[in-house]
Amino acid sequence: MASDVIRMRLHLRRIRALEVVEDTSAVLRVRVESTQTRVACPHCGFKC
Protein backbone atom coordinates (compact mmCIF):
# COMPACT_ATOMS: atom_id res chain seq x y z
CA MET A 1 0.00 0.00 0.00
CA ALA A 2 2.72 2.51 0.91
CA SER A 3 4.51 1.76 -2.37
CA ASP A 4 1.36 2.71 -4.30
CA VAL A 5 1.06 6.00 -2.43
CA ILE A 6 4.70 6.91 -3.12
CA ARG A 7 4.37 5.93 -6.79
CA MET A 8 1.31 8.19 -7.14
CA ARG A 9 2.98 11.05 -5.24
CA LEU A 10 6.08 10.93 -7.45
CA HIS A 11 4.13 10.19 -10.69
CA LEU A 12 6.48 7.33 -11.55
CA ARG A 13 5.51 4.07 -13.17
CA ARG A 14 7.40 0.79 -13.02
CA ILE A 15 8.96 1.47 -9.63
CA ARG A 16 8.37 0.03 -6.19
CA ALA A 17 9.08 2.19 -3.17
CA LEU A 18 11.04 0.22 -0.59
CA GLU A 19 11.34 2.83 2.14
CA VAL A 20 11.17 6.54 2.80
CA VAL A 21 14.68 7.54 3.81
CA GLU A 22 13.94 11.19 4.56
CA ASP A 23 10.70 13.17 4.44
CA THR A 24 10.93 16.81 5.49
CA SER A 25 9.36 19.99 4.16
CA ALA A 26 12.44 20.50 1.95
CA VAL A 27 13.48 16.93 1.02
CA LEU A 28 11.80 13.68 0.04
CA ARG A 29 14.27 10.83 -0.36
CA VAL A 30 12.90 7.37 -1.18
CA ARG A 31 14.72 4.10 -1.84
CA VAL A 32 13.13 2.44 -4.89
CA GLU A 33 13.61 -0.50 -7.23
CA SER A 34 12.46 -1.18 -10.76
CA THR A 35 9.54 -3.54 -11.31
CA GLN A 36 10.74 -4.33 -14.84
CA THR A 37 12.61 -7.57 -15.31
CA ARG A 38 14.63 -6.27 -18.28
CA VAL A 39 15.80 -2.71 -18.77
CA ALA A 40 17.91 -1.03 -21.44
CA CYS A 41 21.36 0.35 -20.69
CA PRO A 42 21.19 4.16 -20.92
CA HIS A 43 24.55 4.19 -22.78
CA CYS A 44 24.39 1.38 -25.35
CA GLY A 45 20.69 0.42 -25.36
CA PHE A 46 21.41 -3.27 -24.68
CA LYS A 47 18.59 -4.91 -22.68
CA CYS A 48 19.70 -6.87 -19.66
C-alpha atoms as a PDB file:
ATOM      1  CA  MET A   1       0.000   0.000   0.000  1.00  0.00           C
ATOM      2  CA  ALA A   2       2.721   2.507   0.915  1.00  0.00           C
ATOM      3  CA  SER A   3       4.514   1.755  -2.368  1.00  0.00           C
ATOM      4  CA  ASP A   4       1.364   2.708  -4.305  1.00  0.00           C
ATOM      5  CA  VAL A   5       1.057   6.005  -2.430  1.00  0.00           C
ATOM      6  CA  ILE A   6       4.701   6.911  -3.116  1.00  0.00           C
ATOM      7  CA  ARG A   7       4.373   5.932  -6.791  1.00  0.00           C
ATOM      8  CA  MET A   8       1.315   8.194  -7.143  1.00  0.00           C
ATOM      9  CA  ARG A   9       2.984  11.051  -5.243  1.00  0.00           C
ATOM     10  CA  LEU A  10       6.081  10.928  -7.453  1.00  0.00           C
ATOM     11  CA  HIS A  11       4.128  10.189 -10.685  1.00  0.00           C
ATOM     12  CA  LEU A  12       6.482   7.331 -11.548  1.00  0.00           C
ATOM     13  CA  ARG A  13       5.515   4.069 -13.167  1.00  0.00           C
ATOM     14  CA  ARG A  14       7.404   0.789 -13.022  1.00  0.00           C
ATOM     15  CA  ILE A  15       8.956   1.469  -9.628  1.00  0.00           C
ATOM     16  CA  ARG A  16       8.368   0.034  -6.194  1.00  0.00           C
ATOM     17  CA  ALA A  17       9.077   2.189  -3.171  1.00  0.00           C
ATOM     18  CA  LEU A  18      11.035   0.220  -0.590  1.00  0.00           C
ATOM     19  CA  GLU A  19      11.341   2.835   2.141  1.00  0.00           C
ATOM     20  CA  VAL A  20      11.165   6.537   2.803  1.00  0.00           C
ATOM     21  CA  VAL A  21      14.678   7.542   3.814  1.00  0.00           C
ATOM     22  CA  GLU A  22      13.938  11.194   4.560  1.00  0.00           C
ATOM     23  CA  ASP A  23      10.698  13.173   4.442  1.00  0.00           C
ATOM     24  CA  THR A  24      10.925  16.808   5.488  1.00  0.00           C
ATOM     25  CA  SER A  25       9.364  19.988   4.156  1.00  0.00           C
ATOM     26  CA  ALA A  26      12.438  20.496   1.945  1.00  0.00           C
ATOM     27  CA  VAL A  27      13.484  16.926   1.023  1.00  0.00           C
ATOM     28  CA  LEU A  28      11.796  13.679   0.039  1.00  0.00           C
ATOM     29  CA  ARG A  29      14.273  10.828  -0.364  1.00  0.00           C
ATOM     30  CA  VAL A  30      12.896   7.373  -1.182  1.00  0.00           C
ATOM     31  CA  ARG A  31      14.722   4.098  -1.840  1.00  0.00           C
ATOM     32  CA  VAL A  32      13.128   2.437  -4.888  1.00  0.00           C
ATOM     33  CA  GLU A  33      13.608  -0.499  -7.230  1.00  0.00           C
ATOM     34  CA  SER A  34      12.462  -1.178 -10.762  1.00  0.00           C
ATOM     35  CA  THR A  35       9.538  -3.536 -11.313  1.00  0.00           C
ATOM     36  CA  GLN A  36      10.743  -4.328 -14.842  1.00  0.00           C
ATOM     37  CA  THR A  37      12.608  -7.571 -15.315  1.00  0.00           C
ATOM     38  CA  ARG A  38      14.631  -6.268 -18.280  1.00  0.00           C
ATOM     39  CA  VAL A  39      15.804  -2.709 -18.765  1.00  0.00           C
ATOM     40  CA  ALA A  40      17.911  -1.033 -21.438  1.00  0.00           C
ATOM     41  CA  CYS A  41      21.359   0.352 -20.685  1.00  0.00           C
ATOM     42  CA  PRO A  42      21.195   4.164 -20.921  1.00  0.00           C
ATOM     43  CA  HIS A  43      24.552   4.190 -22.781  1.00  0.00           C
ATOM     44  CA  CYS A  44      24.387   1.377 -25.350  1.00  0.00           C
ATOM     45  CA  GLY A  45      20.690   0.419 -25.359  1.00  0.00           C
ATOM     46  CA  PHE A  46      21.406  -3.267 -24.675  1.00  0.00           C
ATOM     47  CA  LYS A  47      18.587  -4.912 -22.679  1.00  0.00           C
ATOM     48  CA  CYS A  48      19.701  -6.866 -19.663  1.00  0.00           C
END
